[in-house]
Amino acid sequence: MNISINLDQLSDEEHFRIYTFLKLKFDAVEREKILLMDLHHVLVRQEMDTRVINLLKSRRIGTMQDLASCQRSSLERINGMGPRGLRQIARLLHNYGLQLAEE
């Protein structure tokens, strides 16, 4: 569906409401794309330690959504996951506007 709006005829408040609606819609679409991103490709591009990549793969954490749904305590229990790996994961999620799940 295509909609045509003559912006010259709108008040500032109507401009703001349209802008807000479109921004929220765009942000939701972008967030969904980020969540569905293949984690392995993201990790390689971010130059994540191979050890961290392999540990996450062994736990079948395959998308950004999978990773963001993990709690820090569950990642800490992965044998071989140390403080450096946890920092890398937190930084990666932060770069995409995400964070680990609440405890």
PDB file of N, CA and C in Angstrom:
ATOM      1  N   MET A   1       0.837  -1.159   0.000  1.00  0.00           N
ATOM      2  CA  MET A   1       0.000   0.000   0.000  1.00  0.00           C
ATOM      3  C   MET A   1       0.891   1.233   0.000  1.00  0.00           C
ATOM      4  N   ASN A   2       0.624   2.152  -0.890  1.00  0.00           N
ATOM      5  CA  ASN A   2       1.353   3.413  -0.963  1.00  0.00           C
ATOM      6  C   ASN A   2       0.477   4.539  -0.439  1.00  0.00           C
ATOM      7  N   ILE A   3       1.071   5.406   0.360  1.00  0.00           N
ATOM      8  CA  ILE A   3       0.358   6.552   0.911  1.00  0.00           C
ATOM      9  C   ILE A   3       1.129   7.802   0.528  1.00  0.00           C
ATOM     10  N   SER A   4       0.408   8.799   0.075  1.00  0.00           N
ATOM     11  CA  SER A   4       1.023  10.061  -0.292  1.00  0.00           C
ATOM     12  C   SER A   4       0.521  11.137   0.672  1.00  0.00           C
ATOM     13  N   ILE A   5       1.456  11.881   1.257  1.00  0.00           N
ATOM     14  CA  ILE A   5       1.101  12.931   2.204  1.00  0.00           C
ATOM     15  C   ILE A   5       1.780  14.225   1.763  1.00  0.00           C
ATOM     16  N   ASN A   6       1.019  15.279   1.694  1.00  0.00           N
ATOM     17  CA  ASN A   6       1.574  16.596   1.406  1.00  0.00           C
ATOM     18  C   ASN A   6       2.021  17.205   2.730  1.00  0.00           C
ATOM     19  N   LEU A   7       3.331  17.170   2.984  1.00  0.00           N
ATOM     20  CA  LEU A   7       3.865  17.625   4.264  1.00  0.00           C
ATOM     21  C   LEU A   7       3.711  19.122   4.481  1.00  0.00           C
ATOM     22  N   ASP A   8       3.569  19.879   3.403  1.00  0.00           N
ATOM     23  CA  ASP A   8       3.424  21.323   3.529  1.00  0.00           C
ATOM     24  C   ASP A   8       2.129  21.705   4.230  1.00  0.00           C
ATOM     25  N   GLN A   9       1.158  20.814   4.202  1.00  0.00           N
ATOM     26  CA  GLN A   9      -0.148  21.127   4.782  1.00  0.00           C
ATOM     27  C   GLN A   9      -0.280  20.653   6.231  1.00  0.00           C
ATOM     28  N   LEU A  10       0.762  20.087   6.781  1.00  0.00           N
ATOM     29  CA  LEU A  10       0.691  19.543   8.133  1.00  0.00           C
ATOM     30  C   LEU A  10       1.278  20.512   9.154  1.00  0.00           C
ATOM     31  N   SER A  11       0.734  20.442  10.353  1.00  0.00           N
ATOM     32  CA  SER A  11       1.263  21.258  11.444  1.00  0.00           C
ATOM     33  C   SER A  11       2.554  20.618  11.964  1.00  0.00           C
ATOM     34  N   ASP A  12       3.275  21.373  12.776  1.00  0.00           N
ATOM     35  CA  ASP A  12       4.498  20.837  13.383  1.00  0.00           C
ATOM     36  C   ASP A  12       4.194  19.602  14.225  1.00  0.00           C
ATOM     37  N   GLU A  13       3.088  19.633  14.934  1.00  0.00           N
ATOM     38  CA  GLU A  13       2.711  18.485  15.769  1.00  0.00           C
ATOM     39  C   GLU A  13       2.436  17.255  14.899  1.00  0.00           C
ATOM     40  N   GLU A  14       1.785  17.425  13.769  1.00  0.00           N
ATOM     41  CA  GLU A  14       1.518  16.300  12.863  1.00  0.00           C
ATOM     42  C   GLU A  14       2.821  15.777  12.245  1.00  0.00           C
ATOM     43  N   HIS A  15       3.730  16.689  11.897  1.00  0.00           N
ATOM     44  CA  HIS A  15       5.059  16.276  11.407  1.00  0.00           C
ATOM     45  C   HIS A  15       5.742  15.396  12.444  1.00  0.00           C
ATOM     46  N   PHE A  16       5.709  15.866  13.708  1.00  0.00           N
ATOM     47  CA  PHE A  16       6.364  15.133  14.783  1.00  0.00           C
ATOM     48  C   PHE A  16       5.734  13.755  14.973  1.00  0.00           C
ATOM     49  N   ARG A  17       4.414  13.659  14.934  1.00  0.00           N
ATOM     50  CA  ARG A  17       3.749  12.364  15.099  1.00  0.00           C
ATOM     51  C   ARG A  17       4.101  11.401  13.968  1.00  0.00           C
ATOM     52  N   ILE A  18       4.159  11.890  12.753  1.00  0.00           N
ATOM     53  CA  ILE A  18       4.530  11.039  11.615  1.00  0.00           C
ATOM     54  C   ILE A  18       5.980  10.594  11.746  1.00  0.00           C
ATOM     55  N   TYR A  19       6.844  11.535  12.097  1.00  0.00           N
ATOM     56  CA  TYR A  19       8.261  11.198  12.292  1.00  0.00           C
ATOM     57  C   TYR A  19       8.417  10.123  13.372  1.00  0.00           C
ATOM     58  N   THR A  20       7.755  10.306  14.493  1.00  0.00           N
ATOM     59  CA  THR A  20       7.838   9.356  15.602  1.00  0.00           C
ATOM     60  C   THR A  20       7.327   7.986  15.181  1.00  0.00           C
ATOM     61  N   PHE A  21       6.209   7.948  14.490  1.00  0.00           N
ATOM     62  CA  PHE A  21       5.655   6.670  14.026  1.00  0.00           C
ATOM     63  C   PHE A  21       6.635   5.966  13.093  1.00  0.00           C
ATOM     64  N   LEU A  22       7.162   6.694  12.112  1.00  0.00           N
ATOM     65  CA  LEU A  22       8.081   6.084  11.151  1.00  0.00           C
ATOM     66  C   LEU A  22       9.377   5.638  11.815  1.00  0.00           C
ATOM     67  N   LYS A  23       9.877   6.433  12.765  1.00  0.00           N
ATOM     68  CA  LYS A  23      11.108   6.054  13.471  1.00  0.00           C
ATOM     69  C   LYS A  23      10.896   4.776  14.277  1.00  0.00           C
ATOM     70  N   LEU A  24       9.796   4.690  14.989  1.00  0.00           N
ATOM     71  CA  LEU A  24       9.507   3.476  15.761  1.00  0.00           C
ATOM     72  C   LEU A  24       9.377   2.262  14.847  1.00  0.00           C
ATOM     73  N   LYS A  25       8.719   2.455  13.722  1.00  0.00           N
ATOM     74  CA  LYS A  25       8.542   1.355  12.771  1.00  0.00           C
ATOM     75  C   LYS A  25       9.899   0.923  12.217  1.00  0.00           C
ATOM     76  N   PHE A  26      10.725   1.880  11.830  1.00  0.00           N
ATOM     77  CA  PHE A  26      12.052   1.581  11.297  1.00  0.00           C
ATOM     78  C   PHE A  26      12.902   0.889  12.349  1.00  0.00           C
ATOM     79  N   ASP A  27      12.902   1.410  13.586  1.00  0.00           N
ATOM     80  CA  ASP A  27      13.688   0.817  14.669  1.00  0.00           C
ATOM     81  C   ASP A  27      13.264  -0.623  14.933  1.00  0.00           C
ATOM     82  N   ALA A  28      11.965  -0.893  14.883  1.00  0.00           N
ATOM     83  CA  ALA A  28      11.473  -2.252  15.119  1.00  0.00           C
ATOM     84  C   ALA A  28      11.951  -3.203  14.027  1.00  0.00           C
ATOM     85  N   VAL A  29      11.925  -2.744  12.783  1.00  0.00           N
ATOM     86  CA  VAL A  29      12.380  -3.574  11.658  1.00  0.00           C
ATOM     87  C   VAL A  29      13.882  -3.822  11.778  1.00  0.00           C
ATOM     88  N   GLU A  30      14.652  -2.780  12.092  1.00  0.00           N
ATOM     89  CA  GLU A  30      16.098  -2.930  12.238  1.00  0.00           C
ATOM     90  C   GLU A  30      16.439  -3.861  13.398  1.00  0.00           C
ATOM     91  N   ARG A  31      15.726  -3.733  14.504  1.00  0.00           N
ATOM     92  CA  ARG A  31      15.971  -4.605  15.661  1.00  0.00           C
ATOM     93  C   ARG A  31      15.703  -6.062  15.292  1.00  0.00           C
ATOM     94  N   GLU A  32      14.636  -6.305  14.560  1.00  0.00           N
ATOM     95  CA  GLU A  32      14.313  -7.675  14.140  1.00  0.00           C
ATOM     96  C   GLU A  32      15.416  -8.232  13.246  1.00  0.00           C
ATOM     97  N   LYS A  33      15.933  -7.404  12.339  1.00  0.00           N
ATOM     98  CA  LYS A  33      17.037  -7.849  11.473  1.00  0.00           C
ATOM     99  C   LYS A  33      18.269  -8.198  12.296  1.00  0.00           C
ATOM    100  N   ILE A  34      18.575  -7.372  13.281  1.00  0.00           N
ATOM    101  CA  ILE A  34      19.736  -7.620  14.137  1.00  0.00           C
ATOM    102  C   ILE A  34      19.566  -8.919  14.909  1.00  0.00           C
ATOM    103  N   LEU A  35      18.383  -9.120  15.489  1.00  0.00           N
ATOM    104  CA  LEU A  35      18.145 -10.318  16.285  1.00  0.00           C
ATOM    105  C   LEU A  35      18.277 -11.596  15.471  1.00  0.00           C
ATOM    106  N   LEU A  36      17.951 -11.528  14.202  1.00  0.00           N
ATOM    107  CA  LEU A  36      17.992 -12.723  13.358  1.00  0.00           C
ATOM    108  C   LEU A  36      19.339 -12.928  12.676  1.00  0.00           C
ATOM    109  N   MET A  37      20.288 -12.027  12.905  1.00  0.00           N
ATOM    110  CA  MET A  37      21.599 -12.144  12.272  1.00  0.00           C
ATOM    111  C   MET A  37      22.291 -13.421  12.731  1.00  0.00           C
ATOM    112  N   ASP A  38      22.974 -14.076  11.794  1.00  0.00           N
ATOM    113  CA  ASP A  38      23.757 -15.268  12.111  1.00  0.00           C
ATOM    114  C   ASP A  38      24.921 -14.872  13.007  1.00  0.00           C
ATOM    115  N   LEU A  39      24.956 -15.438  14.187  1.00  0.00           N
ATOM    116  CA  LEU A  39      25.938 -15.042  15.181  1.00  0.00           C
ATOM    117  C   LEU A  39      27.367 -15.324  14.733  1.00  0.00           C
ATOM    118  N   HIS A  40      27.591 -16.431  14.077  1.00  0.00           N
ATOM    119  CA  HIS A  40      28.949 -16.783  13.652  1.00  0.00           C
ATOM    120  C   HIS A  40      29.544 -15.697  12.754  1.00  0.00           C
ATOM    121  N   HIS A  41      28.753 -15.217  11.787  1.00  0.00           N
ATOM    122  CA  HIS A  41      29.250 -14.171  10.879  1.00  0.00           C
ATOM    123  C   HIS A  41      29.508 -12.869  11.635  1.00  0.00           C
ATOM    124  N   VAL A  42      28.641 -12.544  12.583  1.00  0.00           N
ATOM    125  CA  VAL A  42      28.839 -11.327  13.376  1.00  0.00           C
ATOM    126  C   VAL A  42      30.120 -11.437  14.190  1.00  0.00           C
ATOM    127  N   LEU A  43      30.323 -12.588  14.820  1.00  0.00           N
ATOM    128  CA  LEU A  43      31.494 -12.773  15.670  1.00  0.00           C
ATOM    129  C   LEU A  43      32.785 -12.697  14.872  1.00  0.00           C
ATOM    130  N   VAL A  44      32.797 -13.290  13.690  1.00  0.00           N
ATOM    131  CA  VAL A  44      33.994 -13.253  12.852  1.00  0.00           C
ATOM    132  C   VAL A  44      34.280 -11.814  12.421  1.00  0.00           C
ATOM    133  N   ARG A  45      33.235 -11.084  12.016  1.00  0.00           N
ATOM    134  CA  ARG A  45      33.419  -9.693  11.591  1.00  0.00           C
ATOM    135  C   ARG A  45      33.909  -8.815  12.739  1.00  0.00           C
ATOM    136  N   GLN A  46      33.480  -9.121  13.941  1.00  0.00           N
ATOM    137  CA  GLN A  46      33.869  -8.323  15.107  1.00  0.00           C
ATOM    138  C   GLN A  46      35.219  -8.767  15.675  1.00  0.00           C
ATOM    139  N   GLU A  47      35.850  -9.723  15.007  1.00  0.00           N
ATOM    140  CA  GLU A  47      37.141 -10.242  15.438  1.00  0.00           C
ATOM    141  C   GLU A  47      37.094 -10.761  16.874  1.00  0.00           C
ATOM    142  N   MET A  48      36.031 -11.490  17.166  1.00  0.00           N
ATOM    143  CA  MET A  48      35.874 -12.134  18.467  1.00  0.00           C
ATOM    144  C   MET A  48      36.866 -13.284  18.564  1.00  0.00           C
ATOM    145  N   ASP A  49      37.354 -13.553  19.766  1.00  0.00           N
ATOM    146  CA  ASP A  49      38.276 -14.665  19.964  1.00  0.00           C
ATOM    147  C   ASP A  49      37.665 -15.963  19.459  1.00  0.00           C
ATOM    148  N   THR A  50      38.467 -16.764  18.773  1.00  0.00           N
ATOM    149  CA  THR A  50      38.010 -18.053  18.245  1.00  0.00           C
ATOM    150  C   THR A  50      37.457 -18.923  19.365  1.00  0.00           C
ATOM    151  N   ARG A  51      38.069 -18.861  20.515  1.00  0.00           N
ATOM    152  CA  ARG A  51      37.610 -19.651  21.651  1.00  0.00           C
ATOM    153  C   ARG A  51      36.157 -19.317  21.993  1.00  0.00           C
ATOM    154  N   VAL A  52      35.824 -18.030  22.047  1.00  0.00           N
ATOM    155  CA  VAL A  52      34.460 -17.599  22.371  1.00  0.00           C
ATOM    156  C   VAL A  52      33.497 -18.067  21.284  1.00  0.00           C
ATOM    157  N   ILE A  53      33.891 -17.917  20.029  1.00  0.00           N
ATOM    158  CA  ILE A  53      33.050 -18.367  18.914  1.00  0.00           C
ATOM    159  C   ILE A  53      32.741 -19.853  19.061  1.00  0.00           C
ATOM    160  N   ASN A  54      33.762 -20.642  19.313  1.00  0.00           N
ATOM    161  CA  ASN A  54      33.564 -22.089  19.420  1.00  0.00           C
ATOM    162  C   ASN A  54      32.729 -22.471  20.634  1.00  0.00           C
ATOM    163  N   LEU A  55      32.934 -21.784  21.744  1.00  0.00           N
ATOM    164  CA  LEU A  55      32.140 -22.071  22.934  1.00  0.00           C
ATOM    165  C   LEU A  55      30.652 -21.785  22.693  1.00  0.00           C
ATOM    166  N   LEU A  56      30.354 -20.671  22.033  1.00  0.00           N
ATOM    167  CA  LEU A  56      28.957 -20.339  21.751  1.00  0.00           C
ATOM    168  C   LEU A  56      28.351 -21.317  20.754  1.00  0.00           C
ATOM    169  N   LYS A  57      29.128 -21.700  19.739  1.00  0.00           N
ATOM    170  CA  LYS A  57      28.643 -22.686  18.770  1.00  0.00           C
ATOM    171  C   LYS A  57      28.356 -24.021  19.444  1.00  0.00           C
ATOM    172  N   SER A  58      29.205 -24.411  20.399  1.00  0.00           N
ATOM    173  CA  SER A  58      29.005 -25.693  21.078  1.00  0.00           C
ATOM    174  C   SER A  58      27.722 -25.693  21.912  1.00  0.00           C
ATOM    175  N   ARG A  59      27.277 -24.517  22.304  1.00  0.00           N
ATOM    176  CA  ARG A  59      26.025 -24.386  23.063  1.00  0.00           C
ATOM    177  C   ARG A  59      24.829 -24.107  22.155  1.00  0.00           C
ATOM    178  N   ARG A  60      25.063 -24.181  20.862  1.00  0.00           N
ATOM    179  CA  ARG A  60      24.023 -23.946  19.840  1.00  0.00           C
ATOM    180  C   ARG A  60      23.389 -22.559  19.963  1.00  0.00           C
ATOM    181  N   ILE A  61      24.231 -21.585  20.251  1.00  0.00           N
ATOM    182  CA  ILE A  61      23.809 -20.188  20.268  1.00  0.00           C
ATOM    183  C   ILE A  61      24.125 -19.665  18.878  1.00  0.00           C
ATOM    184  N   GLY A  62      23.087 -19.572  18.025  1.00  0.00           N
ATOM    185  CA  GLY A  62      23.318 -19.328  16.612  1.00  0.00           C
ATOM    186  C   GLY A  62      22.927 -17.963  16.085  1.00  0.00           C
ATOM    187  N   THR A  63      22.115 -17.231  16.827  1.00  0.00           N
ATOM    188  CA  THR A  63      21.688 -15.904  16.367  1.00  0.00           C
ATOM    189  C   THR A  63      21.950 -14.889  17.471  1.00  0.00           C
ATOM    190  N   MET A  64      21.883 -13.634  17.105  1.00  0.00           N
ATOM    191  CA  MET A  64      22.027 -12.572  18.090  1.00  0.00           C
ATOM    192  C   MET A  64      20.910 -12.675  19.136  1.00  0.00           C
ATOM    193  N   GLN A  65      19.729 -13.097  18.710  1.00  0.00           N
ATOM    194  CA  GLN A  65      18.617 -13.260  19.639  1.00  0.00           C
ATOM    195  C   GLN A  65      18.930 -14.357  20.658  1.00  0.00           C
ATOM    196  N   ASP A  66      19.516 -15.464  20.179  1.00  0.00           N
ATOM    197  CA  ASP A  66      19.914 -16.531  21.094  1.00  0.00           C
ATOM    198  C   ASP A  66      20.889 -15.992  22.144  1.00  0.00           C
ATOM    199  N   LEU A  67      21.850 -15.208  21.695  1.00  0.00           N
ATOM    200  CA  LEU A  67      22.859 -14.683  22.602  1.00  0.00           C
ATOM    201  C   LEU A  67      22.244 -13.683  23.583  1.00  0.00           C
ATOM    202  N   ALA A  68      21.411 -12.788  23.080  1.00  0.00           N
ATOM    203  CA  ALA A  68      20.793 -11.772  23.940  1.00  0.00           C
ATOM    204  C   ALA A  68      19.835 -12.392  24.953  1.00  0.00           C
ATOM    205  N   SER A  69      19.344 -13.588  24.684  1.00  0.00           N
ATOM    206  CA  SER A  69      18.426 -14.231  25.623  1.00  0.00           C
ATOM    207  C   SER A  69      19.164 -15.001  26.713  1.00  0.00           C
ATOM    208  N   CYS A  70      20.488 -15.074  26.611  1.00  0.00           N
ATOM    209  CA  CYS A  70      21.293 -15.745  27.636  1.00  0.00           C
ATOM    210  C   CYS A  70      21.481 -14.822  28.831  1.00  0.00           C
ATOM    211  N   GLN A  71      21.541 -15.426  29.998  1.00  0.00           N
ATOM    212  CA  GLN A  71      21.886 -14.682  31.200  1.00  0.00           C
ATOM    213  C   GLN A  71      23.391 -14.781  31.417  1.00  0.00           C
ATOM    214  N   ARG A  72      23.943 -13.766  32.005  1.00  0.00           N
ATOM    215  CA  ARG A  72      25.392 -13.762  32.263  1.00  0.00           C
ATOM    216  C   ARG A  72      25.816 -15.000  33.053  1.00  0.00           C
ATOM    217  N   SER A  73      25.013 -15.363  34.048  1.00  0.00           N
ATOM    218  CA  SER A  73      25.365 -16.518  34.884  1.00  0.00           C
ATOM    219  C   SER A  73      25.419 -17.811  34.077  1.00  0.00           C
ATOM    220  N   SER A  74      24.563 -17.945  33.070  1.00  0.00           N
ATOM    221  CA  SER A  74      24.604 -19.164  32.251  1.00  0.00           C
ATOM    222  C   SER A  74      25.845 -19.178  31.363  1.00  0.00           C
ATOM    223  N   LEU A  75      26.267 -18.010  30.887  1.00  0.00           N
ATOM    224  CA  LEU A  75      27.496 -17.944  30.093  1.00  0.00           C
ATOM    225  C   LEU A  75      28.720 -18.201  30.969  1.00  0.00           C
ATOM    226  N   GLU A  76      28.674 -17.725  32.208  1.00  0.00           N
ATOM    227  CA  GLU A  76      29.794 -17.951  33.124  1.00  0.00           C
ATOM    228  C   GLU A  76      29.997 -19.436  33.412  1.00  0.00           C
ATOM    229  N   ARG A  77      28.913 -20.216  33.341  1.00  0.00           N
ATOM    230  CA  ARG A  77      29.002 -21.644  33.630  1.00  0.00           C
ATOM    231  C   ARG A  77      29.549 -22.461  32.460  1.00  0.00           C
ATOM    232  N   ILE A  78      29.708 -21.832  31.299  1.00  0.00           N
ATOM    233  CA  ILE A  78      30.278 -22.550  30.155  1.00  0.00           C
ATOM    234  C   ILE A  78      31.752 -22.782  30.446  1.00  0.00           C
ATOM    235  N   ASN A  79      32.147 -24.032  30.449  1.00  0.00           N
ATOM    236  CA  ASN A  79      33.536 -24.387  30.727  1.00  0.00           C
ATOM    237  C   ASN A  79      34.452 -23.733  29.690  1.00  0.00           C
ATOM    238  N   GLY A  80      35.365 -22.902  30.148  1.00  0.00           N
ATOM    239  CA  GLY A  80      36.297 -22.226  29.249  1.00  0.00           C
ATOM    240  C   GLY A  80      35.943 -20.777  28.975  1.00  0.00           C
ATOM    241  N   MET A  81      34.743 -20.339  29.399  1.00  0.00           N
ATOM    242  CA  MET A  81      34.334 -18.943  29.191  1.00  0.00           C
ATOM    243  C   MET A  81      34.859 -18.119  30.367  1.00  0.00           C
ATOM    244  N   GLY A  82      35.769 -17.230  30.081  1.00  0.00           N
ATOM    245  CA  GLY A  82      36.357 -16.411  31.135  1.00  0.00           C
ATOM    246  C   GLY A  82      35.869 -14.981  31.087  1.00  0.00           C
ATOM    247  N   PRO A  83      36.404 -14.145  31.960  1.00  0.00           N
ATOM    248  CA  PRO A  83      36.001 -12.729  32.019  1.00  0.00           C
ATOM    249  C   PRO A  83      36.210 -11.987  30.698  1.00  0.00           C
ATOM    250  N   ARG A  84      37.298 -12.306  30.009  1.00  0.00           N
ATOM    251  CA  ARG A  84      37.568 -11.626  28.736  1.00  0.00           C
ATOM    252  C   ARG A  84      36.479 -11.952  27.712  1.00  0.00           C
ATOM    253  N   GLY A  85      36.092 -13.203  27.607  1.00  0.00           N
ATOM    254  CA  GLY A  85      35.028 -13.600  26.688  1.00  0.00           C
ATOM    255  C   GLY A  85      33.708 -12.946  27.039  1.00  0.00           C
ATOM    256  N   LEU A  86      33.406 -12.868  28.327  1.00  0.00           N
ATOM    257  CA  LEU A  86      32.167 -12.216  28.757  1.00  0.00           C
ATOM    258  C   LEU A  86      32.179 -10.735  28.411  1.00  0.00           C
ATOM    259  N   ARG A  87      33.336 -10.088  28.569  1.00  0.00           N
ATOM    260  CA  ARG A  87      33.448  -8.666  28.188  1.00  0.00           C
ATOM    261  C   ARG A  87      33.240  -8.493  26.685  1.00  0.00           C
ATOM    262  N   GLN A  88      33.827  -9.394  25.900  1.00  0.00           N
ATOM    263  CA  GLN A  88      33.668  -9.310  24.445  1.00  0.00           C
ATOM    264  C   GLN A  88      32.202  -9.464  24.052  1.00  0.00           C
ATOM    265  N   ILE A  89      31.519 -10.402  24.689  1.00  0.00           N
ATOM    266  CA  ILE A  89      30.103 -10.627  24.394  1.00  0.00           C
ATOM    267  C   ILE A  89      29.278  -9.402  24.779  1.00  0.00           C
ATOM    268  N   ALA A  90      29.528  -8.859  25.970  1.00  0.00           N
ATOM    269  CA  ALA A  90      28.777  -7.674  26.421  1.00  0.00           C
ATOM    270  C   ALA A  90      29.005  -6.499  25.478  1.00  0.00           C
ATOM    271  N   ARG A  91      30.262  -6.311  25.034  1.00  0.00           N
ATOM    272  CA  ARG A  91      30.582  -5.208  24.112  1.00  0.00           C
ATOM    273  C   ARG A  91      29.894  -5.414  22.761  1.00  0.00           C
ATOM    274  N   LEU A  92      29.910  -6.657  22.268  1.00  0.00           N
ATOM    275  CA  LEU A  92      29.252  -6.965  20.999  1.00  0.00           C
ATOM    276  C   LEU A  92      27.768  -6.629  21.078  1.00  0.00           C
ATOM    277  N   LEU A  93      27.102  -7.106  22.110  1.00  0.00           N
ATOM    278  CA  LEU A  93      25.674  -6.829  22.251  1.00  0.00           C
ATOM    279  C   LEU A  93      25.419  -5.336  22.374  1.00  0.00           C
ATOM    280  N   HIS A  94      26.245  -4.656  23.152  1.00  0.00           N
ATOM    281  CA  HIS A  94      26.097  -3.206  23.319  1.00  0.00           C
ATOM    282  C   HIS A  94      26.218  -2.487  21.968  1.00  0.00           C
ATOM    283  N   ASN A  95      27.149  -2.916  21.137  1.00  0.00           N
ATOM    284  CA  ASN A  95      27.343  -2.295  19.825  1.00  0.00           C
ATOM    285  C   ASN A  95      26.096  -2.399  18.957  1.00  0.00           C
ATOM    286  N   TYR A  96      25.274  -3.394  19.205  1.00  0.00           N
ATOM    287  CA  TYR A  96      24.037  -3.588  18.436  1.00  0.00           C
ATOM    288  C   TYR A  96      22.804  -3.140  19.220  1.00  0.00           C
ATOM    289  N   GLY A  97      23.003  -2.450  20.318  1.00  0.00           N
ATOM    290  CA  GLY A  97      21.884  -1.962  21.108  1.00  0.00           C
ATOM    291  C   GLY A  97      21.185  -3.049  21.894  1.00  0.00           C
ATOM    292  N   LEU A  98      21.876  -4.121  22.201  1.00  0.00           N
ATOM    293  CA  LEU A  98      21.296  -5.247  22.936  1.00  0.00           C
ATOM    294  C   LEU A  98      22.063  -5.452  24.234  1.00  0.00           C
ATOM    295  N   GLN A  99      21.553  -6.333  25.053  1.00  0.00           N
ATOM    296  CA  GLN A  99      22.237  -6.726  26.278  1.00  0.00           C
ATOM    297  C   GLN A  99      21.800  -8.123  26.661  1.00  0.00           C
ATOM    298  N   LEU A 100      22.551  -8.726  27.572  1.00  0.00           N
ATOM    299  CA  LEU A 100      22.199 -10.060  28.063  1.00  0.00           C
ATOM    300  C   LEU A 100      20.882  -9.986  28.830  1.00  0.00           C
ATOM    301  N   ALA A 101      20.200 -11.120  28.886  1.00  0.00           N
ATOM    302  CA  ALA A 101      18.921 -11.195  29.603  1.00  0.00           C
ATOM    303  C   ALA A 101      19.130 -10.935  31.093  1.00  0.00           C
ATOM    304  N   GLU A 102      18.113 -10.405  31.727  1.00  0.00           N
ATOM    305  CA  GLU A 102      18.167 -10.162  33.165  1.00  0.00           C
ATOM    306  C   GLU A 102      18.209 -11.471  33.920  1.00  0.00           C
ATOM    307  N   GLU A 103      18.865 -11.448  35.063  1.00  0.00           N
ATOM    308  CA  GLU A 103      18.965 -12.648  35.922  1.00  0.00           C
ATOM    309  C   GLU A 103      17.623 -12.935  36.556  1.00  0.00           C
TER     310      GLU A 103
END
